[in-house]
Amino acid sequence: MDDTQLALGAQAGSEDDFAELYRRYRAGVRARIHRLGGKLVDADELTQQTFCRAWQARARFDPAKGTYLNWLLKVAQNLTLSALKRQGKEPQYCDLEQAEETGRCVSKDEPEHDHERRVIQERMRSLVCRLAPKLREPVILYFLKEMTITEVSRVLGRPVSTVWDQLLTGERQMREWLAVEGVHKSADLVA
């Protein structure tokens, strides 16, 4: 299904269609937020807020005015700029080709990038293993096996709304563990 069909389905109340849009664009939204706010904002928190706002305002999306992705990125940009304004900070703009999820602009050709990425991926795997089984299963199926929320729901025999809640709870739990350890990366880094 294309984005417009999914967005129209979400407007009609389809959680599955909205979950698919979330799966498709979560990383891109986070990257846009990070490019604007860098270390001045919590990109993971603003990503969640963006999708919450998009769900609440889903009736406002008009395919005649542009793509769903552009509308979603505008929501993310507005939330990020508001957060920066509350802090009295200015947005920072990284070169789009160099913005990386490691928390800084870095060339993909830098050898340290590969090493950092491997370290982060290993850390994410260990965090997933720490999750309670009821949270771990949907996280693995959705993020690592790239199943849709509907597929995860069927495989686990759980309602879609339960799977959605468990994914959000699992992601939040891993962010909390990372914050305690002084790291500010999310499960989005496992790509």
N, C-alpha and C. Protein backbone atom coordinates (compact mmCIF):
# COMPACT_ATOMS: atom_id res chain seq x y z
N MET A 1 0.83 -1.18 0.00
CA MET A 1 0.00 0.00 0.00
C MET A 1 0.88 1.25 0.00
N ASP A 2 0.47 2.27 -0.72
CA ASP A 2 1.26 3.50 -0.72
C ASP A 2 0.90 4.35 0.50
N ASP A 3 1.70 5.37 0.73
CA ASP A 3 1.55 6.21 1.92
C ASP A 3 0.17 6.87 2.00
N THR A 4 -0.32 7.34 0.87
CA THR A 4 -1.62 8.03 0.87
C THR A 4 -2.72 7.08 1.31
N GLN A 5 -2.70 5.87 0.79
CA GLN A 5 -3.72 4.88 1.20
C GLN A 5 -3.61 4.58 2.69
N LEU A 6 -2.38 4.43 3.18
CA LEU A 6 -2.19 4.17 4.60
C LEU A 6 -2.66 5.35 5.44
N ALA A 7 -2.34 6.58 4.99
CA ALA A 7 -2.76 7.77 5.73
C ALA A 7 -4.27 7.90 5.76
N LEU A 8 -4.91 7.59 4.64
CA LEU A 8 -6.38 7.65 4.61
C LEU A 8 -6.98 6.56 5.49
N GLY A 9 -6.33 5.40 5.51
CA GLY A 9 -6.78 4.34 6.42
C GLY A 9 -6.63 4.76 7.86
N ALA A 10 -5.51 5.42 8.18
CA ALA A 10 -5.30 5.92 9.54
C ALA A 10 -6.34 6.97 9.89
N GLN A 11 -6.69 7.83 8.93
CA GLN A 11 -7.72 8.83 9.18
C GLN A 11 -9.05 8.18 9.52
N ALA A 12 -9.28 7.02 8.93
CA ALA A 12 -10.52 6.28 9.21
C ALA A 12 -10.42 5.49 10.52
N GLY A 13 -9.25 5.56 11.17
CA GLY A 13 -9.10 4.92 12.48
C GLY A 13 -8.31 3.62 12.47
N SER A 14 -7.70 3.26 11.34
CA SER A 14 -6.94 2.00 11.27
C SER A 14 -5.59 2.13 11.99
N GLU A 15 -5.47 1.47 13.12
CA GLU A 15 -4.21 1.46 13.86
C GLU A 15 -3.13 0.72 13.08
N ASP A 16 -3.53 -0.31 12.33
CA ASP A 16 -2.56 -1.06 11.53
C ASP A 16 -1.92 -0.18 10.46
N ASP A 17 -2.73 0.62 9.78
CA ASP A 17 -2.19 1.51 8.76
C ASP A 17 -1.26 2.54 9.38
N PHE A 18 -1.64 3.08 10.52
CA PHE A 18 -0.79 4.06 11.17
C PHE A 18 0.50 3.41 11.66
N ALA A 19 0.40 2.19 12.17
CA ALA A 19 1.59 1.47 12.63
C ALA A 19 2.56 1.23 11.48
N GLU A 20 2.04 0.99 10.30
CA GLU A 20 2.90 0.80 9.12
C GLU A 20 3.60 2.12 8.77
N LEU A 21 2.89 3.23 8.84
CA LEU A 21 3.51 4.53 8.60
C LEU A 21 4.61 4.79 9.64
N TYR A 22 4.34 4.43 10.87
CA TYR A 22 5.34 4.57 11.94
C TYR A 22 6.57 3.74 11.61
N ARG A 23 6.37 2.51 11.21
CA ARG A 23 7.50 1.62 10.88
C ARG A 23 8.32 2.20 9.72
N ARG A 24 7.64 2.73 8.72
CA ARG A 24 8.33 3.26 7.56
C ARG A 24 9.14 4.52 7.87
N TYR A 25 8.61 5.38 8.73
CA TYR A 25 9.17 6.72 8.85
C TYR A 25 9.76 7.08 10.20
N ARG A 26 9.74 6.19 11.15
CA ARG A 26 10.28 6.49 12.48
C ARG A 26 11.73 6.94 12.40
N ALA A 27 12.56 6.20 11.71
CA ALA A 27 13.98 6.55 11.63
C ALA A 27 14.20 7.87 10.90
N GLY A 28 13.44 8.12 9.85
CA GLY A 28 13.57 9.37 9.11
C GLY A 28 13.13 10.57 9.92
N VAL A 29 12.06 10.40 10.68
CA VAL A 29 11.59 11.48 11.55
C VAL A 29 12.62 11.77 12.62
N ARG A 30 13.17 10.72 13.21
CA ARG A 30 14.19 10.91 14.24
C ARG A 30 15.41 11.62 13.68
N ALA A 31 15.81 11.25 12.46
CA ALA A 31 16.97 11.88 11.84
C ALA A 31 16.70 13.37 11.59
N ARG A 32 15.50 13.71 11.15
CA ARG A 32 15.16 15.12 10.91
C ARG A 32 15.22 15.90 12.23
N ILE A 33 14.66 15.32 13.28
CA ILE A 33 14.68 15.99 14.59
C ILE A 33 16.11 16.17 15.06
N HIS A 34 16.91 15.12 14.90
CA HIS A 34 18.31 15.21 15.33
C HIS A 34 19.06 16.27 14.56
N ARG A 35 18.81 16.36 13.25
CA ARG A 35 19.50 17.37 12.44
C ARG A 35 19.16 18.77 12.90
N LEU A 36 17.93 18.98 13.33
CA LEU A 36 17.51 20.31 13.78
C LEU A 36 17.97 20.61 15.20
N GLY A 37 17.89 19.63 16.07
CA GLY A 37 18.14 19.88 17.48
C GLY A 37 19.42 19.33 18.04
N GLY A 38 20.02 18.35 17.34
CA GLY A 38 21.26 17.77 17.82
C GLY A 38 21.16 17.30 19.25
N LYS A 39 22.14 17.66 20.05
CA LYS A 39 22.16 17.23 21.45
C LYS A 39 21.33 18.15 22.34
N LEU A 40 20.72 19.18 21.75
CA LEU A 40 19.91 20.11 22.54
C LEU A 40 18.52 19.55 22.83
N VAL A 41 18.11 18.53 22.09
CA VAL A 41 16.78 17.94 22.29
C VAL A 41 16.90 16.42 22.41
N ASP A 42 15.89 15.81 22.98
CA ASP A 42 15.81 14.36 23.05
C ASP A 42 15.07 13.89 21.79
N ALA A 43 15.83 13.47 20.79
CA ALA A 43 15.24 13.09 19.50
C ALA A 43 14.28 11.92 19.64
N ASP A 44 14.57 11.00 20.54
CA ASP A 44 13.69 9.85 20.72
C ASP A 44 12.33 10.29 21.28
N GLU A 45 12.37 11.15 22.27
CA GLU A 45 11.13 11.65 22.87
C GLU A 45 10.33 12.45 21.86
N LEU A 46 10.99 13.32 21.11
CA LEU A 46 10.29 14.12 20.10
C LEU A 46 9.75 13.26 18.96
N THR A 47 10.43 12.17 18.65
CA THR A 47 9.92 11.25 17.63
C THR A 47 8.60 10.65 18.09
N GLN A 48 8.56 10.21 19.35
CA GLN A 48 7.31 9.66 19.89
C GLN A 48 6.21 10.73 19.90
N GLN A 49 6.57 11.94 20.30
CA GLN A 49 5.59 13.03 20.32
C GLN A 49 5.09 13.34 18.91
N THR A 50 5.97 13.26 17.93
CA THR A 50 5.57 13.50 16.54
C THR A 50 4.50 12.52 16.11
N PHE A 51 4.72 11.25 16.40
CA PHE A 51 3.74 10.26 15.97
C PHE A 51 2.45 10.34 16.78
N CYS A 52 2.56 10.70 18.05
CA CYS A 52 1.34 10.92 18.84
C CYS A 52 0.55 12.09 18.26
N ARG A 53 1.26 13.18 17.94
CA ARG A 53 0.60 14.35 17.35
C ARG A 53 0.01 14.02 15.98
N ALA A 54 0.75 13.24 15.19
CA ALA A 54 0.26 12.85 13.86
C ALA A 54 -1.02 12.02 13.98
N TRP A 55 -1.06 11.14 14.98
CA TRP A 55 -2.28 10.34 15.17
C TRP A 55 -3.44 11.24 15.57
N GLN A 56 -3.19 12.14 16.52
CA GLN A 56 -4.25 13.04 16.98
C GLN A 56 -4.73 13.97 15.87
N ALA A 57 -3.81 14.39 15.00
CA ALA A 57 -4.16 15.36 13.95
C ALA A 57 -4.32 14.69 12.58
N ARG A 58 -4.51 13.40 12.55
CA ARG A 58 -4.54 12.67 11.29
C ARG A 58 -5.60 13.17 10.32
N ALA A 59 -6.68 13.74 10.83
CA ALA A 59 -7.74 14.27 9.96
C ALA A 59 -7.26 15.49 9.16
N ARG A 60 -6.19 16.13 9.61
CA ARG A 60 -5.68 17.33 8.94
C ARG A 60 -4.82 17.02 7.71
N PHE A 61 -4.35 15.77 7.59
CA PHE A 61 -3.54 15.44 6.42
C PHE A 61 -4.40 15.52 5.17
N ASP A 62 -3.91 16.26 4.18
CA ASP A 62 -4.62 16.42 2.91
C ASP A 62 -3.67 16.01 1.79
N PRO A 63 -3.94 14.87 1.14
CA PRO A 63 -3.04 14.40 0.08
C PRO A 63 -2.94 15.38 -1.09
N ALA A 64 -3.91 16.25 -1.25
CA ALA A 64 -3.86 17.23 -2.34
C ALA A 64 -2.78 18.29 -2.09
N LYS A 65 -2.37 18.44 -0.83
CA LYS A 65 -1.37 19.46 -0.48
C LYS A 65 0.05 18.93 -0.43
N GLY A 66 0.23 17.62 -0.54
CA GLY A 66 1.58 17.06 -0.51
C GLY A 66 1.58 15.64 0.01
N THR A 67 2.79 15.09 0.13
CA THR A 67 2.92 13.70 0.58
C THR A 67 2.76 13.59 2.09
N TYR A 68 2.46 12.39 2.52
CA TYR A 68 2.33 12.14 3.96
C TYR A 68 3.66 12.37 4.66
N LEU A 69 4.75 11.93 4.03
CA LEU A 69 6.06 12.10 4.64
C LEU A 69 6.37 13.58 4.87
N ASN A 70 6.11 14.41 3.88
CA ASN A 70 6.35 15.85 4.05
C ASN A 70 5.51 16.43 5.17
N TRP A 71 4.26 16.00 5.26
CA TRP A 71 3.37 16.47 6.33
C TRP A 71 3.92 16.03 7.69
N LEU A 72 4.34 14.77 7.77
CA LEU A 72 4.88 14.22 9.01
C LEU A 72 6.17 14.94 9.43
N LEU A 73 7.04 15.19 8.46
CA LEU A 73 8.29 15.89 8.77
C LEU A 73 8.02 17.32 9.21
N LYS A 74 6.97 17.93 8.69
CA LYS A 74 6.60 19.28 9.13
C LYS A 74 6.13 19.24 10.59
N VAL A 75 5.38 18.21 10.95
CA VAL A 75 4.95 18.04 12.35
C VAL A 75 6.19 17.91 13.24
N ALA A 76 7.14 17.07 12.81
CA ALA A 76 8.38 16.86 13.58
C ALA A 76 9.17 18.17 13.70
N GLN A 77 9.27 18.88 12.60
CA GLN A 77 10.01 20.15 12.62
C GLN A 77 9.36 21.15 13.57
N ASN A 78 8.05 21.27 13.51
CA ASN A 78 7.35 22.22 14.39
C ASN A 78 7.55 21.87 15.87
N LEU A 79 7.46 20.59 16.20
CA LEU A 79 7.67 20.17 17.59
C LEU A 79 9.10 20.44 18.03
N THR A 80 10.06 20.17 17.15
CA THR A 80 11.47 20.39 17.49
C THR A 80 11.77 21.87 17.68
N LEU A 81 11.27 22.70 16.77
CA LEU A 81 11.50 24.13 16.89
C LEU A 81 10.83 24.70 18.14
N SER A 82 9.66 24.17 18.49
CA SER A 82 9.00 24.60 19.73
C SER A 82 9.83 24.22 20.96
N ALA A 83 10.37 22.99 20.95
CA ALA A 83 11.20 22.54 22.07
C ALA A 83 12.44 23.41 22.20
N LEU A 84 13.07 23.73 21.08
CA LEU A 84 14.25 24.58 21.11
C LEU A 84 13.90 25.99 21.60
N LYS A 85 12.78 26.50 21.15
CA LYS A 85 12.35 27.84 21.55
C LYS A 85 12.13 27.90 23.06
N ARG A 86 11.51 26.84 23.62
CA ARG A 86 11.29 26.79 25.08
C ARG A 86 12.61 26.82 25.83
N GLN A 87 13.66 26.25 25.22
CA GLN A 87 14.99 26.22 25.85
C GLN A 87 15.79 27.47 25.54
N GLY A 88 15.26 28.33 24.68
CA GLY A 88 16.00 29.52 24.29
C GLY A 88 17.16 29.22 23.37
N LYS A 89 17.05 28.13 22.60
CA LYS A 89 18.13 27.70 21.71
C LYS A 89 17.72 27.89 20.25
N GLU A 90 18.71 27.92 19.39
CA GLU A 90 18.50 28.01 17.95
C GLU A 90 18.67 26.63 17.34
N PRO A 91 17.95 26.34 16.23
CA PRO A 91 18.17 25.05 15.57
C PRO A 91 19.58 24.98 14.99
N GLN A 92 20.09 23.75 14.92
CA GLN A 92 21.39 23.54 14.28
C GLN A 92 21.13 22.68 13.06
N TYR A 93 21.78 22.97 11.99
CA TYR A 93 21.56 22.24 10.76
C TYR A 93 22.83 21.52 10.36
N CYS A 94 22.74 20.19 10.26
CA CYS A 94 23.86 19.38 9.79
C CYS A 94 23.65 19.15 8.29
N ASP A 95 24.73 18.90 7.59
CA ASP A 95 24.64 18.49 6.20
C ASP A 95 23.82 17.20 6.17
N LEU A 96 22.77 17.16 5.38
CA LEU A 96 21.88 16.01 5.35
C LEU A 96 22.60 14.72 5.00
N GLU A 97 23.62 14.79 4.17
CA GLU A 97 24.34 13.59 3.79
C GLU A 97 25.24 13.07 4.91
N GLN A 98 25.59 13.94 5.84
CA GLN A 98 26.51 13.54 6.90
C GLN A 98 25.82 13.27 8.24
N ALA A 99 24.57 13.64 8.38
CA ALA A 99 23.91 13.44 9.67
C ALA A 99 23.78 11.94 9.94
N GLU A 100 24.30 11.52 11.03
CA GLU A 100 24.30 10.11 11.40
C GLU A 100 23.61 9.93 12.75
N GLU A 101 23.14 8.72 13.01
CA GLU A 101 22.47 8.43 14.26
C GLU A 101 23.44 8.26 15.42
N THR A 102 24.72 8.45 15.19
CA THR A 102 25.69 8.35 16.26
C THR A 102 25.70 9.60 17.12
N GLY A 103 24.91 10.60 16.75
CA GLY A 103 24.82 11.80 17.55
C GLY A 103 25.68 12.94 17.06
N ARG A 104 26.29 12.81 15.91
CA ARG A 104 27.08 13.91 15.38
C ARG A 104 27.17 13.75 13.87
N CYS A 105 27.57 14.78 13.18
CA CYS A 105 27.78 14.70 11.74
C CYS A 105 29.13 14.05 11.51
N VAL A 106 29.14 13.01 10.73
CA VAL A 106 30.37 12.27 10.50
C VAL A 106 30.31 11.67 9.10
N SER A 107 31.42 11.59 8.45
CA SER A 107 31.47 10.98 7.13
C SER A 107 31.31 9.47 7.27
N LYS A 108 30.54 8.88 6.38
CA LYS A 108 30.36 7.43 6.42
C LYS A 108 31.66 6.70 6.12
N ASP A 109 32.60 7.40 5.52
CA ASP A 109 33.87 6.77 5.18
C ASP A 109 34.85 6.73 6.34
N GLU A 110 34.54 7.42 7.44
CA GLU A 110 35.45 7.41 8.58
C GLU A 110 35.45 6.03 9.22
N PRO A 111 36.65 5.44 9.44
CA PRO A 111 36.72 4.10 10.03
C PRO A 111 36.05 4.03 11.40
N GLU A 112 36.10 5.12 12.15
CA GLU A 112 35.50 5.09 13.48
C GLU A 112 33.99 4.93 13.42
N HIS A 113 33.39 5.32 12.30
CA HIS A 113 31.93 5.19 12.17
C HIS A 113 31.52 3.73 12.25
N ASP A 114 32.20 2.84 11.49
CA ASP A 114 31.86 1.42 11.50
C ASP A 114 32.03 0.83 12.90
N HIS A 115 33.11 1.20 13.57
CA HIS A 115 33.35 0.69 14.92
C HIS A 115 32.26 1.17 15.87
N GLU A 116 31.95 2.47 15.83
CA GLU A 116 30.90 3.01 16.70
C GLU A 116 29.57 2.32 16.44
N ARG A 117 29.25 2.12 15.18
CA ARG A 117 27.99 1.47 14.81
C ARG A 117 27.92 0.06 15.39
N ARG A 118 29.02 -0.70 15.27
CA ARG A 118 29.03 -2.07 15.80
C ARG A 118 28.87 -2.08 17.32
N VAL A 119 29.53 -1.15 17.98
CA VAL A 119 29.43 -1.06 19.44
C VAL A 119 27.98 -0.76 19.84
N ILE A 120 27.36 0.19 19.15
CA ILE A 120 25.98 0.56 19.46
C ILE A 120 25.04 -0.61 19.18
N GLN A 121 25.21 -1.29 18.05
CA GLN A 121 24.35 -2.43 17.73
C GLN A 121 24.47 -3.53 18.78
N GLU A 122 25.69 -3.81 19.23
CA GLU A 122 25.88 -4.83 20.26
C GLU A 122 25.20 -4.42 21.56
N ARG A 123 25.30 -3.15 21.88
CA ARG A 123 24.66 -2.63 23.10
C ARG A 123 23.15 -2.77 22.99
N MET A 124 22.59 -2.48 21.83
CA MET A 124 21.15 -2.60 21.64
C MET A 124 20.71 -4.06 21.78
N ARG A 125 21.50 -4.97 21.22
CA ARG A 125 21.16 -6.40 21.35
C ARG A 125 21.12 -6.82 22.82
N SER A 126 22.08 -6.35 23.59
CA SER A 126 22.11 -6.73 25.00
C SER A 126 20.91 -6.13 25.75
N LEU A 127 20.49 -4.93 25.35
CA LEU A 127 19.31 -4.33 25.98
C LEU A 127 18.05 -5.10 25.65
N VAL A 128 17.93 -5.53 24.40
CA VAL A 128 16.76 -6.31 24.00
C VAL A 128 16.68 -7.58 24.83
N CYS A 129 17.82 -8.20 25.08
CA CYS A 129 17.85 -9.43 25.89
C CYS A 129 17.42 -9.18 27.33
N ARG A 130 17.60 -7.97 27.83
CA ARG A 130 17.20 -7.64 29.20
C ARG A 130 15.69 -7.43 29.35
N LEU A 131 15.01 -7.19 28.23
CA LEU A 131 13.57 -6.95 28.31
C LEU A 131 12.84 -8.20 28.80
N ALA A 132 11.72 -7.97 29.48
CA ALA A 132 10.86 -9.09 29.87
C ALA A 132 10.38 -9.78 28.59
N PRO A 133 10.18 -11.11 28.64
CA PRO A 133 9.78 -11.84 27.43
C PRO A 133 8.56 -11.25 26.72
N LYS A 134 7.57 -10.75 27.48
CA LYS A 134 6.37 -10.21 26.83
C LYS A 134 6.68 -8.94 26.03
N LEU A 135 7.77 -8.25 26.36
CA LEU A 135 8.20 -7.08 25.60
C LEU A 135 9.24 -7.46 24.55
N ARG A 136 10.10 -8.40 24.91
CA ARG A 136 11.19 -8.80 24.01
C ARG A 136 10.65 -9.38 22.71
N GLU A 137 9.65 -10.26 22.80
CA GLU A 137 9.14 -10.93 21.61
C GLU A 137 8.64 -9.95 20.56
N PRO A 138 7.76 -9.01 20.92
CA PRO A 138 7.31 -8.08 19.87
C PRO A 138 8.43 -7.17 19.36
N VAL A 139 9.36 -6.79 20.23
CA VAL A 139 10.48 -5.94 19.80
C VAL A 139 11.32 -6.67 18.76
N ILE A 140 11.64 -7.92 19.00
CA ILE A 140 12.45 -8.69 18.06
C ILE A 140 11.71 -8.88 16.74
N LEU A 141 10.44 -9.27 16.81
CA LEU A 141 9.68 -9.52 15.58
C LEU A 141 9.49 -8.26 14.76
N TYR A 142 9.22 -7.16 15.44
CA TYR A 142 8.92 -5.91 14.73
C TYR A 142 10.18 -5.21 14.23
N PHE A 143 11.14 -4.98 15.12
CA PHE A 143 12.31 -4.20 14.75
C PHE A 143 13.37 -5.02 14.02
N LEU A 144 13.60 -6.27 14.45
CA LEU A 144 14.67 -7.05 13.86
C LEU A 144 14.19 -7.93 12.71
N LYS A 145 13.02 -8.53 12.85
CA LYS A 145 12.47 -9.38 11.78
C LYS A 145 11.63 -8.57 10.79
N GLU A 146 11.40 -7.29 11.13
CA GLU A 146 10.67 -6.34 10.28
C GLU A 146 9.28 -6.83 9.89
N MET A 147 8.59 -7.45 10.83
CA MET A 147 7.20 -7.82 10.62
C MET A 147 6.32 -6.60 10.86
N THR A 148 5.14 -6.60 10.27
CA THR A 148 4.19 -5.53 10.55
C THR A 148 3.57 -5.78 11.92
N ILE A 149 2.92 -4.78 12.46
CA ILE A 149 2.26 -4.95 13.76
C ILE A 149 1.18 -6.03 13.66
N THR A 150 0.48 -6.07 12.55
CA THR A 150 -0.56 -7.10 12.35
C THR A 150 0.06 -8.49 12.35
N GLU A 151 1.20 -8.65 11.67
CA GLU A 151 1.88 -9.96 11.65
C GLU A 151 2.34 -10.34 13.06
N VAL A 152 2.91 -9.40 13.78
CA VAL A 152 3.36 -9.68 15.15
C VAL A 152 2.16 -10.09 16.01
N SER A 153 1.06 -9.37 15.84
CA SER A 153 -0.16 -9.68 16.58
C SER A 153 -0.61 -11.11 16.33
N ARG A 154 -0.60 -11.51 15.05
CA ARG A 154 -1.01 -12.87 14.70
C ARG A 154 -0.06 -13.92 15.27
N VAL A 155 1.25 -13.68 15.09
CA VAL A 155 2.26 -14.64 15.55
C VAL A 155 2.17 -14.84 17.07
N LEU A 156 2.00 -13.73 17.80
CA LEU A 156 1.98 -13.82 19.26
C LEU A 156 0.58 -14.06 19.83
N GLY A 157 -0.43 -13.97 18.99
CA GLY A 157 -1.80 -14.17 19.47
C GLY A 157 -2.24 -13.07 20.42
N ARG A 158 -1.79 -11.84 20.16
CA ARG A 158 -2.13 -10.69 21.01
C ARG A 158 -2.85 -9.64 20.16
N PRO A 159 -3.72 -8.86 20.77
CA PRO A 159 -4.38 -7.78 20.01
C PRO A 159 -3.36 -6.76 19.51
N VAL A 160 -3.67 -6.13 18.38
CA VAL A 160 -2.78 -5.13 17.79
C VAL A 160 -2.47 -4.02 18.80
N SER A 161 -3.48 -3.57 19.53
CA SER A 161 -3.27 -2.49 20.49
C SER A 161 -2.30 -2.92 21.60
N THR A 162 -2.34 -4.18 21.99
CA THR A 162 -1.42 -4.69 23.01
C THR A 162 0.00 -4.72 22.47
N VAL A 163 0.16 -5.19 21.23
CA VAL A 163 1.49 -5.23 20.61
C VAL A 163 2.05 -3.82 20.50
N TRP A 164 1.22 -2.88 20.06
CA TRP A 164 1.65 -1.48 19.94
C TRP A 164 2.14 -0.96 21.29
N ASP A 165 1.37 -1.19 22.34
CA ASP A 165 1.75 -0.74 23.68
C ASP A 165 3.05 -1.41 24.14
N GLN A 166 3.19 -2.70 23.86
CA GLN A 166 4.39 -3.42 24.28
C GLN A 166 5.63 -2.91 23.54
N LEU A 167 5.49 -2.57 22.27
CA LEU A 167 6.62 -2.01 21.52
C LEU A 167 7.04 -0.67 22.11
N LEU A 168 6.07 0.19 22.38
CA LEU A 168 6.38 1.49 22.95
C LEU A 168 6.99 1.35 24.34
N THR A 169 6.46 0.42 25.14
CA THR A 169 6.98 0.19 26.48
C THR A 169 8.41 -0.36 26.41
N GLY A 170 8.65 -1.32 25.51
CA GLY A 170 9.99 -1.88 25.36
C GLY A 170 11.00 -0.83 24.92
N GLU A 171 10.60 0.00 23.97
CA GLU A 171 11.50 1.05 23.49
C GLU A 171 11.78 2.06 24.61
N ARG A 172 10.75 2.42 25.36
CA ARG A 172 10.90 3.36 26.48
C ARG A 172 11.82 2.77 27.55
N GLN A 173 11.65 1.47 27.85
CA GLN A 173 12.48 0.82 28.85
C GLN A 173 13.95 0.84 28.45
N MET A 174 14.22 0.54 27.18
CA MET A 174 15.61 0.55 26.73
C MET A 174 16.19 1.97 26.78
N ARG A 175 15.39 2.97 26.44
CA ARG A 175 15.87 4.36 26.53
C ARG A 175 16.20 4.72 27.98
N GLU A 176 15.37 4.25 28.91
CA GLU A 176 15.62 4.54 30.33
C GLU A 176 16.92 3.89 30.78
N TRP A 177 17.15 2.64 30.38
CA TRP A 177 18.40 1.98 30.75
C TRP A 177 19.59 2.74 30.20
N LEU A 178 19.48 3.17 28.96
CA LEU A 178 20.57 3.92 28.34
C LEU A 178 20.79 5.25 29.06
N ALA A 179 19.71 5.91 29.45
CA ALA A 179 19.84 7.19 30.14
C ALA A 179 20.55 7.00 31.48
N VAL A 180 20.22 5.91 32.18
CA VAL A 180 20.89 5.61 33.45
C VAL A 180 22.38 5.42 33.22
N GLU A 181 22.72 4.81 32.09
CA GLU A 181 24.12 4.56 31.78
C GLU A 181 24.80 5.77 31.15
N GLY A 182 24.04 6.85 30.94
CA GLY A 182 24.62 8.05 30.36
C GLY A 182 24.74 8.04 28.86
N VAL A 183 24.00 7.16 28.19
CA VAL A 183 24.00 7.07 26.74
C VAL A 183 22.66 7.58 26.26
N HIS A 184 22.65 8.33 25.17
CA HIS A 184 21.40 8.91 24.67
C HIS A 184 21.07 8.42 23.27
N LYS A 185 21.00 7.12 23.11
CA LYS A 185 20.63 6.53 21.84
C LYS A 185 19.44 5.60 22.09
N SER A 186 18.67 5.33 21.06
CA SER A 186 17.51 4.47 21.22
C SER A 186 17.63 3.22 20.38
N ALA A 187 16.58 2.40 20.42
CA ALA A 187 16.53 1.20 19.61
C ALA A 187 16.53 1.54 18.14
N ASP A 188 16.29 2.79 17.78
CA ASP A 188 16.33 3.21 16.38
C ASP A 188 17.72 3.01 15.79
N LEU A 189 18.75 2.90 16.62
CA LEU A 189 20.11 2.77 16.12
C LEU A 189 20.36 1.39 15.57
N VAL A 190 19.53 0.43 15.88
CA VAL A 190 19.72 -0.91 15.34
C VAL A 190 19.07 -0.92 13.97
N ALA A 191 19.86 -0.84 12.94
CA ALA A 191 19.30 -0.75 11.59
C ALA A 191 19.88 -1.84 10.72
